[in-house]
N, C-alpha and C. Protein backbone atom coordinates (compact mmCIF):
# COMPACT_ATOMS: atom_id res chain seq x y z
N MET A 1 3.84 -15.32 -2.76
CA MET A 1 4.73 -15.53 -3.73
C MET A 1 5.31 -14.00 -4.45
N ARG A 2 4.48 -13.03 -4.41
CA ARG A 2 4.79 -11.57 -5.04
C ARG A 2 5.38 -10.79 -4.00
N VAL A 3 5.34 -10.98 -2.77
CA VAL A 3 6.04 -10.26 -2.11
C VAL A 3 7.72 -11.02 -1.69
N HIS A 4 8.00 -12.05 -1.62
CA HIS A 4 9.27 -12.66 -1.65
C HIS A 4 10.36 -12.13 -2.31
N PRO A 5 9.82 -11.81 -3.91
CA PRO A 5 11.16 -11.28 -4.71
C PRO A 5 11.47 -9.84 -4.23
N LEU A 6 10.39 -9.25 -3.85
CA LEU A 6 10.63 -7.61 -3.43
C LEU A 6 11.30 -7.50 -2.45
N LEU A 7 11.29 -8.68 -1.57
CA LEU A 7 12.30 -8.47 0.02
C LEU A 7 13.48 -9.26 -0.19
N HIS A 8 13.65 -10.22 -1.14
CA HIS A 8 14.93 -11.02 -1.19
C HIS A 8 15.79 -10.75 -2.48
N GLU A 9 14.92 -10.30 -3.71
CA GLU A 9 15.67 -10.25 -4.93
C GLU A 9 15.67 -8.86 -5.30
N ARG A 10 16.75 -8.66 -6.25
CA ARG A 10 16.76 -7.14 -7.14
C ARG A 10 15.56 -7.19 -7.70
N ASN A 11 14.69 -6.31 -7.40
CA ASN A 11 13.56 -6.02 -8.54
C ASN A 11 13.92 -4.89 -9.33
N PHE A 12 13.95 -5.18 -10.87
CA PHE A 12 14.05 -4.27 -11.57
C PHE A 12 13.01 -3.13 -11.59
N ALA A 13 11.44 -3.54 -11.35
CA ALA A 13 10.50 -2.55 -11.96
C ALA A 13 10.64 -1.43 -11.02
N GLN A 14 11.29 -1.84 -9.57
CA GLN A 14 11.25 -0.73 -8.51
C GLN A 14 12.88 -0.37 -8.44
N SER A 15 13.51 0.01 -9.46
CA SER A 15 14.92 -0.09 -9.27
C SER A 15 15.45 1.37 -10.03
N PRO A 16 15.61 2.68 -9.21
CA PRO A 16 15.57 2.88 -8.09
C PRO A 16 13.82 2.68 -7.12
N PRO A 17 13.44 2.69 -6.34
CA PRO A 17 12.64 2.43 -5.91
C PRO A 17 11.87 3.83 -5.66
N SER A 18 10.19 3.91 -5.99
CA SER A 18 9.45 5.01 -5.93
C SER A 18 9.72 5.93 -4.72
N ARG A 19 9.55 6.95 -4.65
CA ARG A 19 9.55 7.67 -3.68
C ARG A 19 8.00 8.00 -3.27
N THR A 20 7.64 7.86 -2.08
CA THR A 20 6.12 7.59 -1.69
C THR A 20 6.12 8.79 -0.39
N VAL A 21 4.74 9.07 -0.58
CA VAL A 21 4.40 9.96 1.08
C VAL A 21 2.92 9.32 0.83
N TYR A 22 2.50 8.90 2.05
CA TYR A 22 1.19 8.51 2.69
C TYR A 22 0.43 9.30 3.77
N GLN A 23 -0.88 9.80 3.30
CA GLN A 23 -1.73 10.54 4.15
C GLN A 23 -2.80 9.40 4.43
N VAL A 24 -3.18 9.64 6.14
CA VAL A 24 -3.70 8.27 6.37
C VAL A 24 -5.15 9.30 7.34
N SER A 25 -6.39 8.96 7.13
CA SER A 25 -7.29 9.96 7.78
C SER A 25 -8.54 8.87 8.10
N ASN A 26 -9.32 9.69 8.99
CA ASN A 26 -10.66 8.72 9.03
C ASN A 26 -10.34 7.52 9.85
N VAL A 27 -9.64 7.29 10.77
CA VAL A 27 -9.44 5.78 11.44
C VAL A 27 -10.10 5.53 12.11
N GLN A 28 -10.78 4.43 12.08
CA GLN A 28 -11.58 3.95 13.08
C GLN A 28 -11.07 2.51 13.59
N VAL A 29 -11.44 2.25 15.05
CA VAL A 29 -10.63 0.89 15.52
C VAL A 29 -11.86 0.30 16.24
N TRP A 30 -11.91 -0.68 16.22
CA TRP A 30 -13.20 -1.75 16.82
C TRP A 30 -12.78 -2.93 17.29
N SER A 31 -13.05 -3.64 18.49
CA SER A 31 -12.70 -5.15 18.66
C SER A 31 -12.96 -6.06 17.33
N GLY A 32 -12.01 -7.12 17.34
CA GLY A 32 -12.42 -7.94 16.19
C GLY A 32 -13.10 -9.22 16.91
N ASP A 33 -13.35 -10.23 15.93
CA ASP A 33 -13.79 -11.61 16.16
C ASP A 33 -13.19 -12.06 17.28
N ARG A 34 -12.17 -12.02 18.05
CA ARG A 34 -11.49 -13.13 18.89
C ARG A 34 -10.94 -11.71 19.68
N GLU A 35 -10.60 -12.34 20.90
CA GLU A 35 -10.46 -11.50 22.01
C GLU A 35 -8.88 -10.96 21.82
N ASP A 36 -7.82 -11.16 20.72
CA ASP A 36 -6.71 -10.91 21.00
C ASP A 36 -6.71 -9.94 19.08
N GLU A 37 -7.75 -9.68 19.12
CA GLU A 37 -7.58 -9.09 17.71
C GLU A 37 -8.47 -7.78 17.65
N ALA A 38 -7.94 -6.76 16.89
CA ALA A 38 -8.73 -5.58 16.44
C ALA A 38 -8.89 -5.27 14.95
N ARG A 39 -9.85 -4.57 14.70
CA ARG A 39 -10.10 -4.26 13.11
C ARG A 39 -9.75 -2.83 13.10
N VAL A 40 -9.40 -2.15 11.80
CA VAL A 40 -9.20 -0.67 11.66
C VAL A 40 -9.69 -0.70 10.33
N ARG A 41 -10.21 0.61 10.19
CA ARG A 41 -10.55 1.18 8.69
C ARG A 41 -9.99 2.46 8.64
N CYS A 42 -9.59 2.65 7.46
CA CYS A 42 -9.13 4.43 7.10
C CYS A 42 -9.07 4.54 5.94
N ASN A 43 -9.05 5.89 5.55
CA ASN A 43 -8.80 6.30 4.03
C ASN A 43 -7.23 6.94 3.98
N VAL A 44 -6.79 6.55 2.54
CA VAL A 44 -5.64 6.51 2.63
C VAL A 44 -5.36 7.23 1.23
N VAL A 45 -4.41 7.98 0.82
CA VAL A 45 -3.87 8.85 -0.30
C VAL A 45 -2.48 8.81 -0.48
N VAL A 46 -1.80 7.86 -1.43
CA VAL A 46 -0.31 7.60 -1.45
C VAL A 46 0.16 8.53 -2.76
N HIS A 47 1.03 9.35 -2.45
CA HIS A 47 1.52 10.49 -3.63
C HIS A 47 2.76 9.38 -3.99
N GLU A 48 2.93 9.33 -5.31
CA GLU A 48 4.33 8.43 -5.77
C GLU A 48 4.97 9.19 -6.97
N ILE A 49 6.19 9.12 -7.00
CA ILE A 49 7.05 9.37 -8.07
C ILE A 49 8.07 8.49 -8.21
N ARG A 50 8.19 8.20 -9.62
CA ARG A 50 8.99 7.37 -9.92
C ARG A 50 10.34 8.26 -10.54
N VAL A 51 11.55 7.90 -10.53
CA VAL A 51 12.66 8.85 -10.83
C VAL A 51 12.66 8.11 -12.33
N GLY A 52 12.54 9.33 -13.18
CA GLY A 52 13.39 8.55 -14.45
C GLY A 52 13.13 9.85 -15.62
N ASP A 53 12.97 9.18 -17.06
CA ASP A 53 13.02 10.05 -18.14
C ASP A 53 11.36 10.10 -18.32
N HIS A 54 10.74 11.22 -18.68
CA HIS A 54 9.64 11.55 -18.88
C HIS A 54 9.15 10.55 -20.23
N LEU A 55 9.87 10.44 -21.21
CA LEU A 55 9.82 9.61 -22.05
C LEU A 55 9.36 7.84 -21.81
N GLN A 56 9.71 7.62 -20.85
CA GLN A 56 9.29 5.91 -20.20
C GLN A 56 7.73 5.98 -19.46
N LEU A 57 7.07 5.32 -19.70
CA LEU A 57 5.61 5.03 -19.37
C LEU A 57 5.71 5.05 -17.40
N GLY A 58 4.95 6.27 -16.90
CA GLY A 58 4.84 6.31 -15.66
C GLY A 58 6.36 6.60 -14.64
N LEU A 59 7.19 6.87 -15.55
CA LEU A 59 8.72 7.62 -14.96
C LEU A 59 8.60 9.00 -14.92
N GLY A 60 9.22 9.69 -13.71
CA GLY A 60 9.05 11.16 -13.78
C GLY A 60 7.72 11.84 -13.73
N GLN A 61 6.59 10.92 -13.27
CA GLN A 61 5.44 12.00 -13.01
C GLN A 61 4.90 11.62 -11.72
N GLN A 62 4.44 12.30 -11.04
CA GLN A 62 3.86 12.17 -9.64
C GLN A 62 2.40 11.68 -10.05
N ARG A 63 1.94 10.79 -9.04
CA ARG A 63 0.53 10.45 -9.21
C ARG A 63 0.01 10.48 -7.82
N ALA A 64 -1.30 10.57 -7.65
CA ALA A 64 -1.65 10.35 -6.41
C ALA A 64 -3.01 9.15 -6.39
N LEU A 65 -2.63 8.20 -5.48
CA LEU A 65 -3.82 7.32 -5.39
C LEU A 65 -4.50 7.00 -4.04
N ALA A 66 -5.86 7.07 -4.50
CA ALA A 66 -6.97 7.33 -3.13
C ALA A 66 -7.71 5.68 -3.09
N GLY A 67 -7.53 5.54 -1.84
CA GLY A 67 -8.41 4.39 -1.49
C GLY A 67 -9.10 3.98 -0.04
N LYS A 68 -9.25 3.23 0.33
CA LYS A 68 -9.95 2.76 1.77
C LYS A 68 -9.19 1.35 1.82
N CYS A 69 -8.63 1.46 3.22
CA CYS A 69 -8.06 0.37 3.71
C CYS A 69 -8.41 -0.12 4.83
N GLU A 70 -8.69 -1.42 4.88
CA GLU A 70 -9.08 -2.46 6.07
C GLU A 70 -8.01 -3.37 6.71
N TYR A 71 -7.80 -3.07 7.90
CA TYR A 71 -6.78 -4.21 8.51
C TYR A 71 -7.32 -5.06 9.55
N ARG A 72 -6.83 -6.27 9.84
CA ARG A 72 -7.18 -7.16 10.68
C ARG A 72 -5.93 -7.14 11.68
N LEU A 73 -5.88 -6.93 13.01
CA LEU A 73 -4.42 -6.81 13.79
C LEU A 73 -4.74 -8.16 14.58
N ARG A 74 -3.58 -8.65 15.26
CA ARG A 74 -3.12 -9.87 16.15
C ARG A 74 -2.56 -9.35 17.20
N HIS A 75 -2.77 -9.53 18.61
CA HIS A 75 -1.76 -9.32 19.55
C HIS A 75 -0.77 -10.51 19.56
N GLN A 76 0.27 -10.65 18.97
CA GLN A 76 1.21 -11.46 19.38
C GLN A 76 2.77 -10.77 19.23
N ASP A 77 3.26 -10.63 20.59
CA ASP A 77 4.29 -9.80 20.81
C ASP A 77 4.06 -8.44 20.38
N GLY A 78 2.95 -7.99 20.70
CA GLY A 78 3.07 -6.72 19.90
C GLY A 78 1.84 -6.58 18.90
N TRP A 79 1.19 -5.64 18.56
CA TRP A 79 0.33 -5.76 17.44
C TRP A 79 1.08 -6.03 15.89
N ARG A 80 0.44 -7.06 15.41
CA ARG A 80 1.00 -7.42 13.96
C ARG A 80 -0.42 -7.45 12.85
N ILE A 81 0.08 -7.12 11.85
CA ILE A 81 -0.98 -7.04 10.87
C ILE A 81 -1.07 -8.79 10.52
N ALA A 82 -2.33 -9.10 10.40
CA ALA A 82 -2.98 -10.68 9.98
C ALA A 82 -3.65 -10.33 8.67
N CYS A 83 -4.37 -9.48 8.13
CA CYS A 83 -4.88 -8.97 7.19
C CYS A 83 -4.88 -7.78 6.70
N LYS A 84 -4.59 -7.54 5.22
CA LYS A 84 -4.51 -6.00 5.13
C LYS A 84 -5.17 -6.00 3.77
N LYS A 85 -6.07 -5.15 3.29
CA LYS A 85 -7.12 -4.90 2.21
C LYS A 85 -7.05 -3.30 1.71
N VAL A 86 -6.67 -3.21 0.62
CA VAL A 86 -6.59 -1.76 0.06
C VAL A 86 -7.60 -1.82 -1.21
N VAL A 87 -8.58 -1.01 -1.19
CA VAL A 87 -9.60 -0.61 -2.23
C VAL A 87 -9.32 0.63 -2.69
N LEU A 88 -8.93 0.67 -4.18
CA LEU A 88 -8.72 2.25 -4.65
C LEU A 88 -10.01 2.58 -5.27
N ILE A 89 -9.88 3.89 -5.50
CA ILE A 89 -11.12 4.11 -6.09
C ILE A 89 -10.99 4.27 -7.51
N ASN A 90 -9.90 4.29 -7.98
CA ASN A 90 -10.05 4.09 -9.38
C ASN A 90 -9.48 2.69 -9.65
N ARG A 91 -10.03 1.49 -9.23
CA ARG A 91 -9.65 0.30 -9.33
C ARG A 91 -10.21 -0.13 -10.68
N HIS A 92 -11.12 0.39 -11.15
CA HIS A 92 -11.69 0.11 -12.67
C HIS A 92 -10.67 0.46 -13.68
N MET A 93 -9.90 1.31 -13.68
CA MET A 93 -9.16 1.90 -14.85
C MET A 93 -7.77 1.33 -14.74
N PRO A 94 -7.23 1.22 -15.90
CA PRO A 94 -5.75 0.63 -15.96
C PRO A 94 -4.53 1.75 -14.84
N ILE A 95 -3.83 0.73 -14.35
CA ILE A 95 -3.01 1.26 -13.27
C ILE A 95 -1.59 0.67 -13.47
N VAL A 96 -0.59 1.79 -14.01
CA VAL A 96 0.82 1.44 -14.01
C VAL A 96 1.43 0.74 -12.53
N THR A 97 2.49 0.00 -12.59
CA THR A 97 2.47 -0.80 -11.40
C THR A 97 2.15 -0.18 -9.89
N LEU A 98 1.70 -1.17 -9.47
CA LEU A 98 1.62 -0.65 -7.94
C LEU A 98 2.39 -1.69 -6.70
N SER A 99 3.73 -2.19 -7.28
CA SER A 99 4.32 -2.51 -6.08
C SER A 99 5.12 -1.87 -5.43
N PHE A 100 4.93 -0.84 -5.03
CA PHE A 100 5.43 -0.01 -3.90
C PHE A 100 4.36 -0.18 -2.70
N LEU A 101 3.23 -0.70 -3.23
CA LEU A 101 1.85 -0.54 -2.11
C LEU A 101 2.08 -2.02 -1.03
N ILE A 102 2.58 -2.71 -1.54
CA ILE A 102 3.07 -4.03 -0.71
C ILE A 102 3.37 -3.86 0.81
């Protein structure tokens, strides 16, 4: 339900959209539970900035979000993501919108 509005409707929380850069490291790949499946783990740092006035919460400030990602890939006309899990290291703290991560 959260993804549909981002793809099909005008999303005012991300208008204009955030500028992001992803850094991926320590990629580990191993076979999954099924023959057509693979599992992937990696570390990620996302640098994000939202264009806007510094007086608005979260706008005009660059931030870095670090975490660990886990993927389950399935081979169906190429490799496709069947499951994605992102665990941020600061997940216990309040975080302004994360809609750009989806």
